């Protein structure tokens, strides 16, 4: 029987975090997934909007650009945008 590996990383950052901090967190998540050979990754946009005030457009832009960067580096990843 083949079991799928799953890893859940929960990251909390302050509402004062800058884009570079978020970019570093996303990169670190990708590094963990690469180390563990996990290539199906989801980044839900939790905390955007009124609750934690993260700007949704900026968060989405960072997640998309970092995902594309990984693929361009030659990682065997598939990028899917889920709305």
PDB file of N, CA and C in Angstrom:
ATOM      1  N   UNK A   1       0.844  -1.173   0.000  1.00  0.00           N
ATOM      2  CA  UNK A   1       0.000   0.000   0.000  1.00  0.00           C
ATOM      3  C   UNK A   1       0.893   1.241   0.000  1.00  0.00           C
ATOM      4  N   UNK A   2       0.603   2.185  -0.885  1.00  0.00           N
ATOM      5  CA  UNK A   2       1.387   3.407  -1.001  1.00  0.00           C
ATOM      6  C   UNK A   2       0.659   4.550  -0.277  1.00  0.00           C
ATOM      7  N   UNK A   3       1.283   5.090   0.732  1.00  0.00           N
ATOM      8  CA  UNK A   3       0.695   6.182   1.487  1.00  0.00           C
ATOM      9  C   UNK A   3       1.266   7.509   1.019  1.00  0.00           C
ATOM     10  N   UNK A   4       0.397   8.483   0.884  1.00  0.00           N
ATOM     11  CA  UNK A   4       0.849   9.826   0.526  1.00  0.00           C
ATOM     12  C   UNK A   4       1.403  10.515   1.764  1.00  0.00           C
ATOM     13  N   UNK A   5       2.523  11.191   1.580  1.00  0.00           N
ATOM     14  CA  UNK A   5       3.077  11.981   2.683  1.00  0.00           C
ATOM     15  C   UNK A   5       2.387  13.331   2.699  1.00  0.00           C
ATOM     16  N   UNK A   6       2.100  13.808   3.889  1.00  0.00           N
ATOM     17  CA  UNK A   6       1.510  15.132   4.028  1.00  0.00           C
ATOM     18  C   UNK A   6       2.239  15.881   5.134  1.00  0.00           C
ATOM     19  N   UNK A   7       2.418  17.152   4.905  1.00  0.00           N
ATOM     20  CA  UNK A   7       3.058  18.021   5.885  1.00  0.00           C
ATOM     21  C   UNK A   7       2.231  19.290   5.978  1.00  0.00           C
ATOM     22  N   UNK A   8       1.893  19.671   7.171  1.00  0.00           N
ATOM     23  CA  UNK A   8       1.159  20.904   7.386  1.00  0.00           C
ATOM     24  C   UNK A   8       2.067  21.865   8.142  1.00  0.00           C
ATOM     25  N   UNK A   9       2.354  22.974   7.525  1.00  0.00           N
ATOM     26  CA  UNK A   9       3.136  24.016   8.182  1.00  0.00           C
ATOM     27  C   UNK A   9       2.192  25.167   8.480  1.00  0.00           C
ATOM     28  N   UNK A  10       2.138  25.553   9.705  1.00  0.00           N
ATOM     29  CA  UNK A  10       1.296  26.674  10.089  1.00  0.00           C
ATOM     30  C   UNK A  10       2.223  27.817  10.476  1.00  0.00           C
ATOM     31  N   UNK A  11       2.057  28.916   9.775  1.00  0.00           N
ATOM     32  CA  UNK A  11       2.930  30.057   9.981  1.00  0.00           C
ATOM     33  C   UNK A  11       2.083  31.260  10.365  1.00  0.00           C
ATOM     34  N   UNK A  12       2.419  31.871  11.460  1.00  0.00           N
ATOM     35  CA  UNK A  12       1.743  33.085  11.888  1.00  0.00           C
ATOM     36  C   UNK A  12       2.750  34.225  11.881  1.00  0.00           C
ATOM     37  N   UNK A  13       2.379  35.276  11.209  1.00  0.00           N
ATOM     38  CA  UNK A  13       3.249  36.457  11.184  1.00  0.00           C
ATOM     39  C   UNK A  13       2.420  37.657  11.619  1.00  0.00           C
ATOM     40  N   UNK A  14       3.087  38.649  12.093  1.00  0.00           N
ATOM     41  CA  UNK A  14       2.370  39.825  12.568  1.00  0.00           C
ATOM     42  C   UNK A  14       1.764  40.585  11.401  1.00  0.00           C
ATOM     43  N   UNK A  15       0.775  41.379  11.701  1.00  0.00           N
ATOM     44  CA  UNK A  15       0.139  42.179  10.656  1.00  0.00           C
ATOM     45  C   UNK A  15       1.079  43.264  10.141  1.00  0.00           C
ATOM     46  N   UNK A  16       2.223  43.414  10.786  1.00  0.00           N
ATOM     47  CA  UNK A  16       3.196  44.419  10.373  1.00  0.00           C
ATOM     48  C   UNK A  16       4.299  43.825   9.497  1.00  0.00           C
ATOM     49  N   UNK A  17       4.161  42.546   9.156  1.00  0.00           N
ATOM     50  CA  UNK A  17       5.186  41.889   8.343  1.00  0.00           C
ATOM     51  C   UNK A  17       5.269  42.552   6.976  1.00  0.00           C
ATOM     52  N   UNK A  18       6.475  42.648   6.485  1.00  0.00           N
ATOM     53  CA  UNK A  18       6.682  43.232   5.163  1.00  0.00           C
ATOM     54  C   UNK A  18       6.740  42.110   4.133  1.00  0.00           C
ATOM     55  N   UNK A  19       6.647  42.509   2.879  1.00  0.00           N
ATOM     56  CA  UNK A  19       6.614  41.532   1.792  1.00  0.00           C
ATOM     57  C   UNK A  19       7.828  40.615   1.809  1.00  0.00           C
ATOM     58  N   UNK A  20       9.008  41.144   2.122  1.00  0.00           N
ATOM     59  CA  UNK A  20      10.215  40.321   2.128  1.00  0.00           C
ATOM     60  C   UNK A  20      10.138  39.207   3.168  1.00  0.00           C
ATOM     61  N   UNK A  21       9.533  39.493   4.310  1.00  0.00           N
ATOM     62  CA  UNK A  21       9.369  38.458   5.338  1.00  0.00           C
ATOM     63  C   UNK A  21       8.464  37.336   4.828  1.00  0.00           C
ATOM     64  N   UNK A  22       7.372  37.712   4.201  1.00  0.00           N
ATOM     65  CA  UNK A  22       6.457  36.710   3.660  1.00  0.00           C
ATOM     66  C   UNK A  22       7.143  35.900   2.560  1.00  0.00           C
ATOM     67  N   UNK A  23       7.900  36.556   1.716  1.00  0.00           N
ATOM     68  CA  UNK A  23       8.641  35.879   0.646  1.00  0.00           C
ATOM     69  C   UNK A  23       9.615  34.858   1.245  1.00  0.00           C
ATOM     70  N   UNK A  24      10.315  35.221   2.315  1.00  0.00           N
ATOM     71  CA  UNK A  24      11.251  34.301   2.973  1.00  0.00           C
ATOM     72  C   UNK A  24      10.525  33.108   3.582  1.00  0.00           C
ATOM     73  N   UNK A  25       9.349  33.339   4.144  1.00  0.00           N
ATOM     74  CA  UNK A  25       8.565  32.257   4.726  1.00  0.00           C
ATOM     75  C   UNK A  25       8.131  31.285   3.638  1.00  0.00           C
ATOM     76  N   UNK A  26       7.664  31.799   2.521  1.00  0.00           N
ATOM     77  CA  UNK A  26       7.242  30.941   1.407  1.00  0.00           C
ATOM     78  C   UNK A  26       8.426  30.140   0.881  1.00  0.00           C
ATOM     79  N   UNK A  27       9.576  30.781   0.734  1.00  0.00           N
ATOM     80  CA  UNK A  27      10.774  30.075   0.272  1.00  0.00           C
ATOM     81  C   UNK A  27      11.152  28.964   1.233  1.00  0.00           C
ATOM     82  N   UNK A  28      11.072  29.236   2.520  1.00  0.00           N
ATOM     83  CA  UNK A  28      11.401  28.211   3.528  1.00  0.00           C
ATOM     84  C   UNK A  28      10.410  27.048   3.474  1.00  0.00           C
ATOM     85  N   UNK A  29       9.146  27.335   3.260  1.00  0.00           N
ATOM     86  CA  UNK A  29       8.147  26.260   3.099  1.00  0.00           C
ATOM     87  C   UNK A  29       8.499  25.396   1.897  1.00  0.00           C
ATOM     88  N   UNK A  30       8.868  26.025   0.791  1.00  0.00           N
ATOM     89  CA  UNK A  30       9.273  25.267  -0.391  1.00  0.00           C
ATOM     90  C   UNK A  30      10.519  24.431  -0.106  1.00  0.00           C
ATOM     91  N   UNK A  31      11.452  24.984   0.648  1.00  0.00           N
ATOM     92  CA  UNK A  31      12.668  24.225   0.992  1.00  0.00           C
ATOM     93  C   UNK A  31      12.323  22.979   1.806  1.00  0.00           C
ATOM     94  N   UNK A  32      11.432  23.129   2.776  1.00  0.00           N
ATOM     95  CA  UNK A  32      11.005  21.982   3.575  1.00  0.00           C
ATOM     96  C   UNK A  32      10.355  20.923   2.682  1.00  0.00           C
ATOM     97  N   UNK A  33       9.487  21.369   1.797  1.00  0.00           N
ATOM     98  CA  UNK A  33       8.793  20.429   0.912  1.00  0.00           C
ATOM     99  C   UNK A  33       9.781  19.718  -0.007  1.00  0.00           C
ATOM    100  N   UNK A  34      10.775  20.418  -0.508  1.00  0.00           N
ATOM    101  CA  UNK A  34      11.789  19.791  -1.362  1.00  0.00           C
ATOM    102  C   UNK A  34      12.576  18.750  -0.578  1.00  0.00           C
ATOM    103  N   UNK A  35      12.970  19.101   0.630  1.00  0.00           N
ATOM    104  CA  UNK A  35      13.725  18.177   1.471  1.00  0.00           C
ATOM    105  C   UNK A  35      12.938  16.892   1.721  1.00  0.00           C
ATOM    106  N   UNK A  36      11.647  17.032   1.935  1.00  0.00           N
ATOM    107  CA  UNK A  36      10.795  15.882   2.235  1.00  0.00           C
ATOM    108  C   UNK A  36      10.174  15.259   0.986  1.00  0.00           C
ATOM    109  N   UNK A  37      10.571  15.775  -0.183  1.00  0.00           N
ATOM    110  CA  UNK A  37      10.070  15.288  -1.475  1.00  0.00           C
ATOM    111  C   UNK A  37       8.549  15.370  -1.568  1.00  0.00           C
ATOM    112  N   UNK A  38       8.027  16.488  -1.157  1.00  0.00           N
ATOM    113  CA  UNK A  38       6.599  16.779  -1.285  1.00  0.00           C
ATOM    114  C   UNK A  38       6.438  17.815  -2.389  1.00  0.00           C
ATOM    115  N   UNK A  39       5.696  17.461  -3.420  1.00  0.00           N
ATOM    116  CA  UNK A  39       5.611  18.358  -4.575  1.00  0.00           C
ATOM    117  C   UNK A  39       4.200  18.824  -4.876  1.00  0.00           C
ATOM    118  N   UNK A  40       3.294  18.598  -3.982  1.00  0.00           N
ATOM    119  CA  UNK A  40       1.931  19.100  -4.122  1.00  0.00           C
ATOM    120  C   UNK A  40       1.700  20.008  -2.926  1.00  0.00           C
ATOM    121  N   UNK A  41       1.754  21.304  -3.159  1.00  0.00           N
ATOM    122  CA  UNK A  41       1.758  22.283  -2.073  1.00  0.00           C
ATOM    123  C   UNK A  41       0.579  23.233  -2.239  1.00  0.00           C
ATOM    124  N   UNK A  42      -0.071  23.551  -1.152  1.00  0.00           N
ATOM    125  CA  UNK A  42      -1.167  24.519  -1.168  1.00  0.00           C
ATOM    126  C   UNK A  42      -0.856  25.641  -0.183  1.00  0.00           C
ATOM    127  N   UNK A  43      -1.093  26.854  -0.617  1.00  0.00           N
ATOM    128  CA  UNK A  43      -0.951  28.021   0.240  1.00  0.00           C
ATOM    129  C   UNK A  43      -2.294  28.760   0.264  1.00  0.00           C
ATOM    130  N   UNK A  44      -3.162  28.445   1.203  1.00  0.00           N
ATOM    131  CA  UNK A  44      -4.427  29.184   1.265  1.00  0.00           C
ATOM    132  C   UNK A  44      -4.177  30.609   1.747  1.00  0.00           C
ATOM    133  N   UNK A  45      -4.962  31.517   1.255  1.00  0.00           N
ATOM    134  CA  UNK A  45      -4.811  32.923   1.639  1.00  0.00           C
ATOM    135  C   UNK A  45      -5.578  33.207   2.930  1.00  0.00           C
ATOM    136  N   UNK A  46      -5.097  32.621   4.005  1.00  0.00           N
ATOM    137  CA  UNK A  46      -5.721  32.867   5.304  1.00  0.00           C
ATOM    138  C   UNK A  46      -5.115  34.121   5.923  1.00  0.00           C
ATOM    139  N   UNK A  47      -5.953  34.914   6.524  1.00  0.00           N
ATOM    140  CA  UNK A  47      -5.456  36.103   7.204  1.00  0.00           C
ATOM    141  C   UNK A  47      -5.498  37.357   6.354  1.00  0.00           C
ATOM    142  N   UNK A  48      -5.962  37.241   5.129  1.00  0.00           N
ATOM    143  CA  UNK A  48      -6.090  38.449   4.314  1.00  0.00           C
ATOM    144  C   UNK A  48      -7.446  39.080   4.601  1.00  0.00           C
ATOM    145  N   UNK A  49      -7.530  40.346   4.374  1.00  0.00           N
ATOM    146  CA  UNK A  49      -8.803  41.031   4.603  1.00  0.00           C
ATOM    147  C   UNK A  49      -8.878  41.653   5.978  1.00  0.00           C
ATOM    148  N   UNK A  50     -10.071  41.646   6.533  1.00  0.00           N
ATOM    149  CA  UNK A  50     -10.334  42.371   7.785  1.00  0.00           C
ATOM    150  C   UNK A  50      -9.681  41.756   9.016  1.00  0.00           C
ATOM    151  N   UNK A  51      -9.622  40.436   9.081  1.00  0.00           N
ATOM    152  CA  UNK A  51      -9.149  39.783  10.302  1.00  0.00           C
ATOM    153  C   UNK A  51      -7.713  40.167  10.655  1.00  0.00           C
ATOM    154  N   UNK A  52      -6.759  39.878   9.792  1.00  0.00           N
ATOM    155  CA  UNK A  52      -5.361  40.191  10.080  1.00  0.00           C
ATOM    156  C   UNK A  52      -4.805  41.291   9.174  1.00  0.00           C
ATOM    157  N   UNK A  53      -5.609  41.739   8.255  1.00  0.00           N
ATOM    158  CA  UNK A  53      -5.296  42.894   7.398  1.00  0.00           C
ATOM    159  C   UNK A  53      -4.136  42.694   6.432  1.00  0.00           C
ATOM    160  N   UNK A  54      -3.825  41.446   6.078  1.00  0.00           N
ATOM    161  CA  UNK A  54      -2.814  41.253   5.038  1.00  0.00           C
ATOM    162  C   UNK A  54      -3.433  41.652   3.710  1.00  0.00           C
ATOM    163  N   UNK A  55      -2.725  42.381   2.881  1.00  0.00           N
ATOM    164  CA  UNK A  55      -3.283  42.760   1.573  1.00  0.00           C
ATOM    165  C   UNK A  55      -3.337  41.547   0.635  1.00  0.00           C
ATOM    166  N   UNK A  56      -4.530  41.107   0.286  1.00  0.00           N
ATOM    167  CA  UNK A  56      -4.729  39.888  -0.508  1.00  0.00           C
ATOM    168  C   UNK A  56      -3.957  39.918  -1.825  1.00  0.00           C
ATOM    169  N   UNK A  57      -3.971  41.034  -2.506  1.00  0.00           N
ATOM    170  CA  UNK A  57      -3.293  41.123  -3.802  1.00  0.00           C
ATOM    171  C   UNK A  57      -1.786  40.927  -3.655  1.00  0.00           C
ATOM    172  N   UNK A  58      -1.213  41.520  -2.638  1.00  0.00           N
ATOM    173  CA  UNK A  58       0.225  41.395  -2.426  1.00  0.00           C
ATOM    174  C   UNK A  58       0.606  39.971  -2.026  1.00  0.00           C
ATOM    175  N   UNK A  59      -0.186  39.364  -1.157  1.00  0.00           N
ATOM    176  CA  UNK A  59       0.075  37.990  -0.733  1.00  0.00           C
ATOM    177  C   UNK A  59      -0.029  37.050  -1.929  1.00  0.00           C
ATOM    178  N   UNK A  60      -1.067  37.203  -2.736  1.00  0.00           N
ATOM    179  CA  UNK A  60      -1.234  36.363  -3.923  1.00  0.00           C
ATOM    180  C   UNK A  60      -0.073  36.547  -4.898  1.00  0.00           C
ATOM    181  N   UNK A  61       0.353  37.770  -5.099  1.00  0.00           N
ATOM    182  CA  UNK A  61       1.465  38.063  -6.013  1.00  0.00           C
ATOM    183  C   UNK A  61       2.752  37.370  -5.541  1.00  0.00           C
ATOM    184  N   UNK A  62       3.009  37.403  -4.255  1.00  0.00           N
ATOM    185  CA  UNK A  62       4.212  36.759  -3.696  1.00  0.00           C
ATOM    186  C   UNK A  62       4.128  35.249  -3.861  1.00  0.00           C
ATOM    187  N   UNK A  63       2.984  34.662  -3.528  1.00  0.00           N
ATOM    188  CA  UNK A  63       2.831  33.213  -3.651  1.00  0.00           C
ATOM    189  C   UNK A  63       2.993  32.749  -5.096  1.00  0.00           C
ATOM    190  N   UNK A  64       2.407  33.483  -6.023  1.00  0.00           N
ATOM    191  CA  UNK A  64       2.509  33.111  -7.436  1.00  0.00           C
ATOM    192  C   UNK A  64       3.935  33.279  -7.938  1.00  0.00           C
ATOM    193  N   UNK A  65       4.565  34.397  -7.612  1.00  0.00           N
ATOM    194  CA  UNK A  65       5.927  34.631  -8.119  1.00  0.00           C
ATOM    195  C   UNK A  65       6.918  33.633  -7.549  1.00  0.00           C
ATOM    196  N   UNK A  66       6.782  33.281  -6.280  1.00  0.00           N
ATOM    197  CA  UNK A  66       7.686  32.294  -5.684  1.00  0.00           C
ATOM    198  C   UNK A  66       7.443  30.899  -6.263  1.00  0.00           C
ATOM    199  N   UNK A  67       6.199  30.566  -6.541  1.00  0.00           N
ATOM    200  CA  UNK A  67       5.881  29.275  -7.157  1.00  0.00           C
ATOM    201  C   UNK A  67       6.493  29.190  -8.551  1.00  0.00           C
ATOM    202  N   UNK A  68       6.336  30.224  -9.324  1.00  0.00           N
ATOM    203  CA  UNK A  68       6.896  30.249 -10.678  1.00  0.00           C
ATOM    204  C   UNK A  68       8.422  30.194 -10.624  1.00  0.00           C
ATOM    205  N   UNK A  69       9.018  30.893  -9.681  1.00  0.00           N
ATOM    206  CA  UNK A  69      10.484  30.857  -9.536  1.00  0.00           C
ATOM    207  C   UNK A  69      10.979  29.444  -9.292  1.00  0.00           C
ATOM    208  N   UNK A  70      10.276  28.691  -8.455  1.00  0.00           N
ATOM    209  CA  UNK A  70      10.683  27.303  -8.177  1.00  0.00           C
ATOM    210  C   UNK A  70      10.614  26.448  -9.435  1.00  0.00           C
ATOM    211  N   UNK A  71       9.566  26.608 -10.199  1.00  0.00           N
ATOM    212  CA  UNK A  71       9.426  25.836 -11.440  1.00  0.00           C
ATOM    213  C   UNK A  71      10.536  26.218 -12.414  1.00  0.00           C
ATOM    214  N   UNK A  72      10.829  27.505 -12.519  1.00  0.00           N
ATOM    215  CA  UNK A  72      11.888  27.973 -13.423  1.00  0.00           C
ATOM    216  C   UNK A  72      13.264  27.473 -12.995  1.00  0.00           C
ATOM    217  N   UNK A  73      13.441  27.206 -11.701  1.00  0.00           N
ATOM    218  CA  UNK A  73      14.714  26.669 -11.202  1.00  0.00           C
ATOM    219  C   UNK A  73      14.882  25.198 -11.543  1.00  0.00           C
ATOM    220  N   UNK A  74      13.836  24.593 -12.095  1.00  0.00           N
ATOM    221  CA  UNK A  74      13.927  23.204 -12.498  1.00  0.00           C
ATOM    222  C   UNK A  74      13.303  22.218 -11.545  1.00  0.00           C
ATOM    223  N   UNK A  75      12.607  22.710 -10.536  1.00  0.00           N
ATOM    224  CA  UNK A  75      11.933  21.796  -9.611  1.00  0.00           C
ATOM    225  C   UNK A  75      10.800  21.089 -10.346  1.00  0.00           C
ATOM    226  N   UNK A  76      10.563  19.856  -9.976  1.00  0.00           N
ATOM    227  CA  UNK A  76       9.523  19.055 -10.611  1.00  0.00           C
ATOM    228  C   UNK A  76       8.179  19.325  -9.936  1.00  0.00           C
ATOM    229  N   UNK A  77       7.723  20.545 -10.085  1.00  0.00           N
ATOM    230  CA  UNK A  77       6.490  20.959  -9.440  1.00  0.00           C
ATOM    231  C   UNK A  77       5.465  21.316 -10.487  1.00  0.00           C
ATOM    232  N   UNK A  78       4.236  21.170 -10.119  1.00  0.00           N
ATOM    233  CA  UNK A  78       3.141  21.629 -10.952  1.00  0.00           C
ATOM    234  C   UNK A  78       2.489  22.796 -10.223  1.00  0.00           C
ATOM    235  N   UNK A  79       2.249  23.855 -10.942  1.00  0.00           N
ATOM    236  CA  UNK A  79       1.624  25.037 -10.341  1.00  0.00           C
ATOM    237  C   UNK A  79       0.191  25.117 -10.815  1.00  0.00           C
ATOM    238  N   UNK A  80      -0.714  25.142  -9.856  1.00  0.00           N
ATOM    239  CA  UNK A  80      -2.136  25.313 -10.165  1.00  0.00           C
ATOM    240  C   UNK A  80      -2.648  26.487  -9.356  1.00  0.00           C
ATOM    241  N   UNK A  81      -3.387  27.343 -10.007  1.00  0.00           N
ATOM    242  CA  UNK A  81      -4.025  28.445  -9.310  1.00  0.00           C
ATOM    243  C   UNK A  81      -5.441  28.018  -8.972  1.00  0.00           C
ATOM    244  N   UNK A  82      -5.784  28.098  -7.707  1.00  0.00           N
ATOM    245  CA  UNK A  82      -7.110  27.699  -7.243  1.00  0.00           C
ATOM    246  C   UNK A  82      -7.801  28.933  -6.702  1.00  0.00           C
ATOM    247  N   UNK A  83      -8.966  29.184  -7.198  1.00  0.00           N
ATOM    248  CA  UNK A  83      -9.715  30.379  -6.778  1.00  0.00           C
ATOM    249  C   UNK A  83     -10.815  30.026  -5.831  1.00  0.00           C
TER     250      UNK A  83
END
